Amino acid sequence: ITEIDRPSPELGWKRAVRERLLSARRAVLRHP
């Protein structure tokens, strides 16, 4: 969980959520 990136506070909510969840996906793919 600590490997999941925090999105930039300058992003709107929609892009911020999308980037965060895609970062979560990258984290779980690194650890099968």
ModelCIF file with pLDDT and N, C-alpha, C, O atoms, coordinates in Angstrom:
data_MODEL
#
_entry.id   MODEL 
#
_entity.id                         1 
_entity.type                       polymer 
_entity.pdbx_number_of_molecules   1 
#
_entity_poly.entity_id                      1 
_entity_poly.type                           'polypeptide(L)' 
_entity_poly.nstd_linkage                   no 
_entity_poly.nstd_monomer                   no 
_entity_poly.pdbx_seq_one_letter_code       ITEIDRPSPELGWKRAVRERLLSARRAVLRHP 
_entity_poly.pdbx_seq_one_letter_code_can   ITEIDRPSPELGWKRAVRERLLSARRAVLRHP 
_entity_poly.pdbx_strand_id                 A 
#
loop_
_entity_poly_seq.entity_id 
_entity_poly_seq.num 
_entity_poly_seq.mon_id 
_entity_poly_seq.hetero 
1 1  ILE n 
1 2  THR n 
1 3  GLU n 
1 4  ILE n 
1 5  ASP n 
1 6  ARG n 
1 7  PRO n 
1 8  SER n 
1 9  PRO n 
1 10 GLU n 
1 11 LEU n 
1 12 GLY n 
1 13 TRP n 
1 14 LYS n 
1 15 ARG n 
1 16 ALA n 
1 17 VAL n 
1 18 ARG n 
1 19 GLU n 
1 20 ARG n 
1 21 LEU n 
1 22 LEU n 
1 23 SER n 
1 24 ALA n 
1 25 ARG n 
1 26 ARG n 
1 27 ALA n 
1 28 VAL n 
1 29 LEU n 
1 30 ARG n 
1 31 HIS n 
1 32 PRO n 
#
_struct_asym.id          A 
_struct_asym.entity_id   1 
#
loop_
_ma_qa_metric.id 
_ma_qa_metric.mode 
_ma_qa_metric.name 
_ma_qa_metric.software_group_id 
_ma_qa_metric.type 
1 global pLDDT . pLDDT 
2 local  pLDDT . pLDDT 
#
_ma_qa_metric_global.metric_id      1 
_ma_qa_metric_global.metric_value   95.31 
_ma_qa_metric_global.model_id       1 
_ma_qa_metric_global.ordinal_id     1 
#
loop_
_ma_qa_metric_local.label_asym_id 
_ma_qa_metric_local.label_comp_id 
_ma_qa_metric_local.label_seq_id 
_ma_qa_metric_local.metric_id 
_ma_qa_metric_local.metric_value 
_ma_qa_metric_local.model_id 
_ma_qa_metric_local.ordinal_id 
A ILE 1  2 97.00 1 1  
A THR 2  2 96.00 1 2  
A GLU 3  2 97.00 1 3  
A ILE 4  2 97.00 1 4  
A ASP 5  2 95.00 1 5  
A ARG 6  2 93.00 1 6  
A PRO 7  2 93.00 1 7  
A SER 8  2 90.00 1 8  
A PRO 9  2 86.00 1 9  
A GLU 10 2 91.00 1 10 
A LEU 11 2 93.00 1 11 
A GLY 12 2 94.00 1 12 
A TRP 13 2 96.00 1 13 
A LYS 14 2 97.00 1 14 
A ARG 15 2 97.00 1 15 
A ALA 16 2 97.00 1 16 
A VAL 17 2 97.00 1 17 
A ARG 18 2 97.00 1 18 
A GLU 19 2 97.00 1 19 
A ARG 20 2 97.00 1 20 
A LEU 21 2 97.00 1 21 
A LEU 22 2 97.00 1 22 
A SER 23 2 97.00 1 23 
A ALA 24 2 97.00 1 24 
A ARG 25 2 96.00 1 25 
A ARG 26 2 97.00 1 26 
A ALA 27 2 97.00 1 27 
A VAL 28 2 95.00 1 28 
A LEU 29 2 95.00 1 29 
A ARG 30 2 96.00 1 30 
A HIS 31 2 97.00 1 31 
A PRO 32 2 92.00 1 32 
#
loop_
_atom_site.group_PDB 
_atom_site.id 
_atom_site.type_symbol 
_atom_site.label_atom_id 
_atom_site.label_alt_id 
_atom_site.label_comp_id 
_atom_site.label_asym_id 
_atom_site.label_entity_id 
_atom_site.label_seq_id 
_atom_site.pdbx_PDB_ins_code 
_atom_site.Cartn_x 
_atom_site.Cartn_y 
_atom_site.Cartn_z 
_atom_site.occupancy 
_atom_site.B_iso_or_equiv 
_atom_site.pdbx_formal_charge 
_atom_site.auth_seq_id 
_atom_site.auth_comp_id 
_atom_site.auth_asym_id 
_atom_site.auth_atom_id 
_atom_site.pdbx_PDB_model_num 
ATOM 1   N N  . ILE A 1 1  ? 0.830   -1.204  0.000   1.00 97.00 ? 1  ILE A N  1 
ATOM 2   C CA . ILE A 1 1  ? 0.000   0.000   0.000   1.00 97.00 ? 1  ILE A CA 1 
ATOM 3   C C  . ILE A 1 1  ? 0.866   1.257   0.000   1.00 97.00 ? 1  ILE A C  1 
ATOM 4   O O  . ILE A 1 1  ? 0.518   2.247   -0.643  1.00 97.00 ? 1  ILE A O  1 
ATOM 5   N N  . THR A 1 2  ? 1.990   1.225   0.715   1.00 96.00 ? 2  THR A N  1 
ATOM 6   C CA . THR A 1 2  ? 2.855   2.413   0.758   1.00 96.00 ? 2  THR A CA 1 
ATOM 7   C C  . THR A 1 2  ? 3.532   2.688   -0.574  1.00 96.00 ? 2  THR A C  1 
ATOM 8   O O  . THR A 1 2  ? 4.088   3.769   -0.767  1.00 96.00 ? 2  THR A O  1 
ATOM 9   N N  . GLU A 1 3  ? 3.497   1.729   -1.500  1.00 97.00 ? 3  GLU A N  1 
ATOM 10  C CA . GLU A 1 3  ? 4.073   1.953   -2.828  1.00 97.00 ? 3  GLU A CA 1 
ATOM 11  C C  . GLU A 1 3  ? 3.116   2.701   -3.756  1.00 97.00 ? 3  GLU A C  1 
ATOM 12  O O  . GLU A 1 3  ? 3.513   3.112   -4.846  1.00 97.00 ? 3  GLU A O  1 
ATOM 13  N N  . ILE A 1 4  ? 1.869   2.881   -3.343  1.00 97.00 ? 4  ILE A N  1 
ATOM 14  C CA . ILE A 1 4  ? 0.883   3.567   -4.184  1.00 97.00 ? 4  ILE A CA 1 
ATOM 15  C C  . ILE A 1 4  ? 1.140   5.066   -4.126  1.00 97.00 ? 4  ILE A C  1 
ATOM 16  O O  . ILE A 1 4  ? 1.198   5.657   -3.048  1.00 97.00 ? 4  ILE A O  1 
ATOM 17  N N  . ASP A 1 5  ? 1.292   5.671   -5.294  1.00 95.00 ? 5  ASP A N  1 
ATOM 18  C CA . ASP A 1 5  ? 1.619   7.097   -5.364  1.00 95.00 ? 5  ASP A CA 1 
ATOM 19  C C  . ASP A 1 5  ? 0.447   7.966   -4.925  1.00 95.00 ? 5  ASP A C  1 
ATOM 20  O O  . ASP A 1 5  ? -0.717  7.637   -5.151  1.00 95.00 ? 5  ASP A O  1 
ATOM 21  N N  . ARG A 1 6  ? 0.786   9.074   -4.296  1.00 93.00 ? 6  ARG A N  1 
ATOM 22  C CA . ARG A 1 6  ? -0.204  10.106  -4.006  1.00 93.00 ? 6  ARG A CA 1 
ATOM 23  C C  . ARG A 1 6  ? -0.303  11.031  -5.212  1.00 93.00 ? 6  ARG A C  1 
ATOM 24  O O  . ARG A 1 6  ? 0.720   11.525  -5.685  1.00 93.00 ? 6  ARG A O  1 
ATOM 25  N N  . PRO A 1 7  ? -1.500  11.276  -5.718  1.00 93.00 ? 7  PRO A N  1 
ATOM 26  C CA . PRO A 1 7  ? -1.616  12.178  -6.873  1.00 93.00 ? 7  PRO A CA 1 
ATOM 27  C C  . PRO A 1 7  ? -1.329  13.619  -6.473  1.00 93.00 ? 7  PRO A C  1 
ATOM 28  O O  . PRO A 1 7  ? -1.456  13.990  -5.306  1.00 93.00 ? 7  PRO A O  1 
ATOM 29  N N  . SER A 1 8  ? -0.946  14.414  -7.444  1.00 90.00 ? 8  SER A N  1 
ATOM 30  C CA . SER A 1 8  ? -0.682  15.824  -7.188  1.00 90.00 ? 8  SER A CA 1 
ATOM 31  C C  . SER A 1 8  ? -1.960  16.522  -6.738  1.00 90.00 ? 8  SER A C  1 
ATOM 32  O O  . SER A 1 8  ? -3.019  16.305  -7.327  1.00 90.00 ? 8  SER A O  1 
ATOM 33  N N  . PRO A 1 9  ? -1.877  17.357  -5.702  1.00 86.00 ? 9  PRO A N  1 
ATOM 34  C CA . PRO A 1 9  ? -3.074  18.090  -5.250  1.00 86.00 ? 9  PRO A CA 1 
ATOM 35  C C  . PRO A 1 9  ? -3.595  19.071  -6.297  1.00 86.00 ? 9  PRO A C  1 
ATOM 36  O O  . PRO A 1 9  ? -4.706  19.584  -6.162  1.00 86.00 ? 9  PRO A O  1 
ATOM 37  N N  . GLU A 1 10 ? -2.813  19.335  -7.331  1.00 91.00 ? 10 GLU A N  1 
ATOM 38  C CA . GLU A 1 10 ? -3.242  20.271  -8.369  1.00 91.00 ? 10 GLU A CA 1 
ATOM 39  C C  . GLU A 1 10 ? -4.211  19.621  -9.359  1.00 91.00 ? 10 GLU A C  1 
ATOM 40  O O  . GLU A 1 10 ? -4.870  20.317  -10.132 1.00 91.00 ? 10 GLU A O  1 
ATOM 41  N N  . LEU A 1 11 ? -4.297  18.299  -9.337  1.00 93.00 ? 11 LEU A N  1 
ATOM 42  C CA . LEU A 1 11 ? -5.184  17.610  -10.271 1.00 93.00 ? 11 LEU A CA 1 
ATOM 43  C C  . LEU A 1 11 ? -6.630  17.725  -9.805  1.00 93.00 ? 11 LEU A C  1 
ATOM 44  O O  . LEU A 1 11 ? -6.894  17.831  -8.607  1.00 93.00 ? 11 LEU A O  1 
ATOM 45  N N  . GLY A 1 12 ? -7.552  17.702  -10.739 1.00 94.00 ? 12 GLY A N  1 
ATOM 46  C CA . GLY A 1 12 ? -8.960  17.601  -10.389 1.00 94.00 ? 12 GLY A CA 1 
ATOM 47  C C  . GLY A 1 12 ? -9.250  16.225  -9.817  1.00 94.00 ? 12 GLY A C  1 
ATOM 48  O O  . GLY A 1 12 ? -8.455  15.301  -9.989  1.00 94.00 ? 12 GLY A O  1 
ATOM 49  N N  . TRP A 1 13 ? -10.399 16.076  -9.127  1.00 96.00 ? 13 TRP A N  1 
ATOM 50  C CA . TRP A 1 13 ? -10.690 14.814  -8.442  1.00 96.00 ? 13 TRP A CA 1 
ATOM 51  C C  . TRP A 1 13 ? -10.702 13.620  -9.382  1.00 96.00 ? 13 TRP A C  1 
ATOM 52  O O  . TRP A 1 13 ? -10.228 12.545  -9.015  1.00 96.00 ? 13 TRP A O  1 
ATOM 53  N N  . LYS A 1 14 ? -11.235 13.788  -10.593 1.00 97.00 ? 14 LYS A N  1 
ATOM 54  C CA . LYS A 1 14 ? -11.396 12.656  -11.500 1.00 97.00 ? 14 LYS A CA 1 
ATOM 55  C C  . LYS A 1 14 ? -10.046 12.116  -11.962 1.00 97.00 ? 14 LYS A C  1 
ATOM 56  O O  . LYS A 1 14 ? -9.811  10.908  -11.939 1.00 97.00 ? 14 LYS A O  1 
ATOM 57  N N  . ARG A 1 15 ? -9.174  13.009  -12.377 1.00 97.00 ? 15 ARG A N  1 
ATOM 58  C CA . ARG A 1 15 ? -7.848  12.575  -12.818 1.00 97.00 ? 15 ARG A CA 1 
ATOM 59  C C  . ARG A 1 15 ? -7.029  12.055  -11.636 1.00 97.00 ? 15 ARG A C  1 
ATOM 60  O O  . ARG A 1 15 ? -6.258  11.106  -11.779 1.00 97.00 ? 15 ARG A O  1 
ATOM 61  N N  . ALA A 1 16 ? -7.200  12.678  -10.473 1.00 97.00 ? 16 ALA A N  1 
ATOM 62  C CA . ALA A 1 16 ? -6.457  12.247  -9.287  1.00 97.00 ? 16 ALA A CA 1 
ATOM 63  C C  . ALA A 1 16 ? -6.839  10.828  -8.886  1.00 97.00 ? 16 ALA A C  1 
ATOM 64  O O  . ALA A 1 16 ? -5.968  10.014  -8.579  1.00 97.00 ? 16 ALA A O  1 
ATOM 65  N N  . VAL A 1 17 ? -8.135  10.528  -8.887  1.00 97.00 ? 17 VAL A N  1 
ATOM 66  C CA . VAL A 1 17 ? -8.585  9.175   -8.542  1.00 97.00 ? 17 VAL A CA 1 
ATOM 67  C C  . VAL A 1 17 ? -8.069  8.177   -9.573  1.00 97.00 ? 17 VAL A C  1 
ATOM 68  O O  . VAL A 1 17 ? -7.598  7.096   -9.220  1.00 97.00 ? 17 VAL A O  1 
ATOM 69  N N  . ARG A 1 18 ? -8.159  8.544   -10.837 1.00 97.00 ? 18 ARG A N  1 
ATOM 70  C CA . ARG A 1 18 ? -7.714  7.629   -11.890 1.00 97.00 ? 18 ARG A CA 1 
ATOM 71  C C  . ARG A 1 18 ? -6.225  7.308   -11.739 1.00 97.00 ? 18 ARG A C  1 
ATOM 72  O O  . ARG A 1 18 ? -5.820  6.149   -11.824 1.00 97.00 ? 18 ARG A O  1 
ATOM 73  N N  . GLU A 1 19 ? -5.418  8.341   -11.515 1.00 97.00 ? 19 GLU A N  1 
ATOM 74  C CA . GLU A 1 19 ? -3.988  8.115   -11.388 1.00 97.00 ? 19 GLU A CA 1 
ATOM 75  C C  . GLU A 1 19 ? -3.662  7.293   -10.149 1.00 97.00 ? 19 GLU A C  1 
ATOM 76  O O  . GLU A 1 19 ? -2.769  6.446   -10.174 1.00 97.00 ? 19 GLU A O  1 
ATOM 77  N N  . ARG A 1 20 ? -4.390  7.548   -9.065  1.00 97.00 ? 20 ARG A N  1 
ATOM 78  C CA . ARG A 1 20 ? -4.119  6.798   -7.837  1.00 97.00 ? 20 ARG A CA 1 
ATOM 79  C C  . ARG A 1 20 ? -4.458  5.326   -8.001  1.00 97.00 ? 20 ARG A C  1 
ATOM 80  O O  . ARG A 1 20 ? -3.691  4.463   -7.574  1.00 97.00 ? 20 ARG A O  1 
ATOM 81  N N  . LEU A 1 21 ? -5.589  5.032   -8.610  1.00 97.00 ? 21 LEU A N  1 
ATOM 82  C CA . LEU A 1 21 ? -5.987  3.630   -8.758  1.00 97.00 ? 21 LEU A CA 1 
ATOM 83  C C  . LEU A 1 21 ? -5.128  2.889   -9.781  1.00 97.00 ? 21 LEU A C  1 
ATOM 84  O O  . LEU A 1 21 ? -4.902  1.686   -9.650  1.00 97.00 ? 21 LEU A O  1 
ATOM 85  N N  . LEU A 1 22 ? -4.652  3.600   -10.791 1.00 97.00 ? 22 LEU A N  1 
ATOM 86  C CA . LEU A 1 22 ? -3.721  2.971   -11.725 1.00 97.00 ? 22 LEU A CA 1 
ATOM 87  C C  . LEU A 1 22 ? -2.373  2.723   -11.049 1.00 97.00 ? 22 LEU A C  1 
ATOM 88  O O  . LEU A 1 22 ? -1.697  1.743   -11.361 1.00 97.00 ? 22 LEU A O  1 
ATOM 89  N N  . SER A 1 23 ? -1.978  3.601   -10.129 1.00 97.00 ? 23 SER A N  1 
ATOM 90  C CA . SER A 1 23 ? -0.766  3.363   -9.352  1.00 97.00 ? 23 SER A CA 1 
ATOM 91  C C  . SER A 1 23 ? -0.948  2.147   -8.446  1.00 97.00 ? 23 SER A C  1 
ATOM 92  O O  . SER A 1 23 ? -0.023  1.355   -8.265  1.00 97.00 ? 23 SER A O  1 
ATOM 93  N N  . ALA A 1 24 ? -2.160  2.004   -7.874  1.00 97.00 ? 24 ALA A N  1 
ATOM 94  C CA . ALA A 1 24 ? -2.451  0.817   -7.058  1.00 97.00 ? 24 ALA A CA 1 
ATOM 95  C C  . ALA A 1 24 ? -2.336  -0.442  -7.905  1.00 97.00 ? 24 ALA A C  1 
ATOM 96  O O  . ALA A 1 24 ? -1.826  -1.464  -7.446  1.00 97.00 ? 24 ALA A O  1 
ATOM 97  N N  . ARG A 1 25 ? -2.807  -0.365  -9.131  1.00 96.00 ? 25 ARG A N  1 
ATOM 98  C CA . ARG A 1 25 ? -2.718  -1.530  -10.012 1.00 96.00 ? 25 ARG A CA 1 
ATOM 99  C C  . ARG A 1 25 ? -1.256  -1.869  -10.313 1.00 96.00 ? 25 ARG A C  1 
ATOM 100 O O  . ARG A 1 25 ? -0.884  -3.042  -10.325 1.00 96.00 ? 25 ARG A O  1 
ATOM 101 N N  . ARG A 1 26 ? -0.441  -0.870  -10.552 1.00 97.00 ? 26 ARG A N  1 
ATOM 102 C CA . ARG A 1 26 ? 0.979   -1.140  -10.798 1.00 97.00 ? 26 ARG A CA 1 
ATOM 103 C C  . ARG A 1 26 ? 1.621   -1.799  -9.574  1.00 97.00 ? 26 ARG A C  1 
ATOM 104 O O  . ARG A 1 26 ? 2.471   -2.679  -9.712  1.00 97.00 ? 26 ARG A O  1 
ATOM 105 N N  . ALA A 1 27 ? 1.214   -1.374  -8.389  1.00 97.00 ? 27 ALA A N  1 
ATOM 106 C CA . ALA A 1 27 ? 1.776   -1.944  -7.165  1.00 97.00 ? 27 ALA A CA 1 
ATOM 107 C C  . ALA A 1 27 ? 1.426   -3.424  -7.038  1.00 97.00 ? 27 ALA A C  1 
ATOM 108 O O  . ALA A 1 27 ? 2.297   -4.239  -6.733  1.00 97.00 ? 27 ALA A O  1 
ATOM 109 N N  . VAL A 1 28 ? 0.154   -3.784  -7.270  1.00 95.00 ? 28 VAL A N  1 
ATOM 110 C CA . VAL A 1 28 ? -0.220  -5.197  -7.115  1.00 95.00 ? 28 VAL A CA 1 
ATOM 111 C C  . VAL A 1 28 ? 0.347   -6.047  -8.255  1.00 95.00 ? 28 VAL A C  1 
ATOM 112 O O  . VAL A 1 28 ? 0.574   -7.242  -8.070  1.00 95.00 ? 28 VAL A O  1 
ATOM 113 N N  . LEU A 1 29 ? 0.577   -5.458  -9.415  1.00 95.00 ? 29 LEU A N  1 
ATOM 114 C CA . LEU A 1 29 ? 1.207   -6.219  -10.499 1.00 95.00 ? 29 LEU A CA 1 
ATOM 115 C C  . LEU A 1 29 ? 2.683   -6.473  -10.201 1.00 95.00 ? 29 LEU A C  1 
ATOM 116 O O  . LEU A 1 29 ? 3.236   -7.482  -10.640 1.00 95.00 ? 29 LEU A O  1 
ATOM 117 N N  . ARG A 1 30 ? 3.322   -5.574  -9.464  1.00 96.00 ? 30 ARG A N  1 
ATOM 118 C CA . ARG A 1 30 ? 4.718   -5.807  -9.063  1.00 96.00 ? 30 ARG A CA 1 
ATOM 119 C C  . ARG A 1 30 ? 4.814   -6.951  -8.063  1.00 96.00 ? 30 ARG A C  1 
ATOM 120 O O  . ARG A 1 30 ? 5.852   -7.604  -7.958  1.00 96.00 ? 30 ARG A O  1 
ATOM 121 N N  . HIS A 1 31 ? 3.739   -7.189  -7.335  1.00 97.00 ? 31 HIS A N  1 
ATOM 122 C CA . HIS A 1 31 ? 3.731   -8.223  -6.301  1.00 97.00 ? 31 HIS A CA 1 
ATOM 123 C C  . HIS A 1 31 ? 2.559   -9.172  -6.589  1.00 97.00 ? 31 HIS A C  1 
ATOM 124 O O  . HIS A 1 31 ? 1.465   -8.958  -6.067  1.00 97.00 ? 31 HIS A O  1 
ATOM 125 N N  . PRO A 1 32 ? 2.759   -10.204 -7.397  1.00 92.00 ? 32 PRO A N  1 
ATOM 126 C CA . PRO A 1 32 ? 1.643   -11.056 -7.844  1.00 92.00 ? 32 PRO A CA 1 
ATOM 127 C C  . PRO A 1 32 ? 0.851   -11.707 -6.704  1.00 92.00 ? 32 PRO A C  1 
ATOM 128 O O  . PRO A 1 32 ? -0.104  -12.441 -6.957  1.00 92.00 ? 32 PRO A O  1 
#
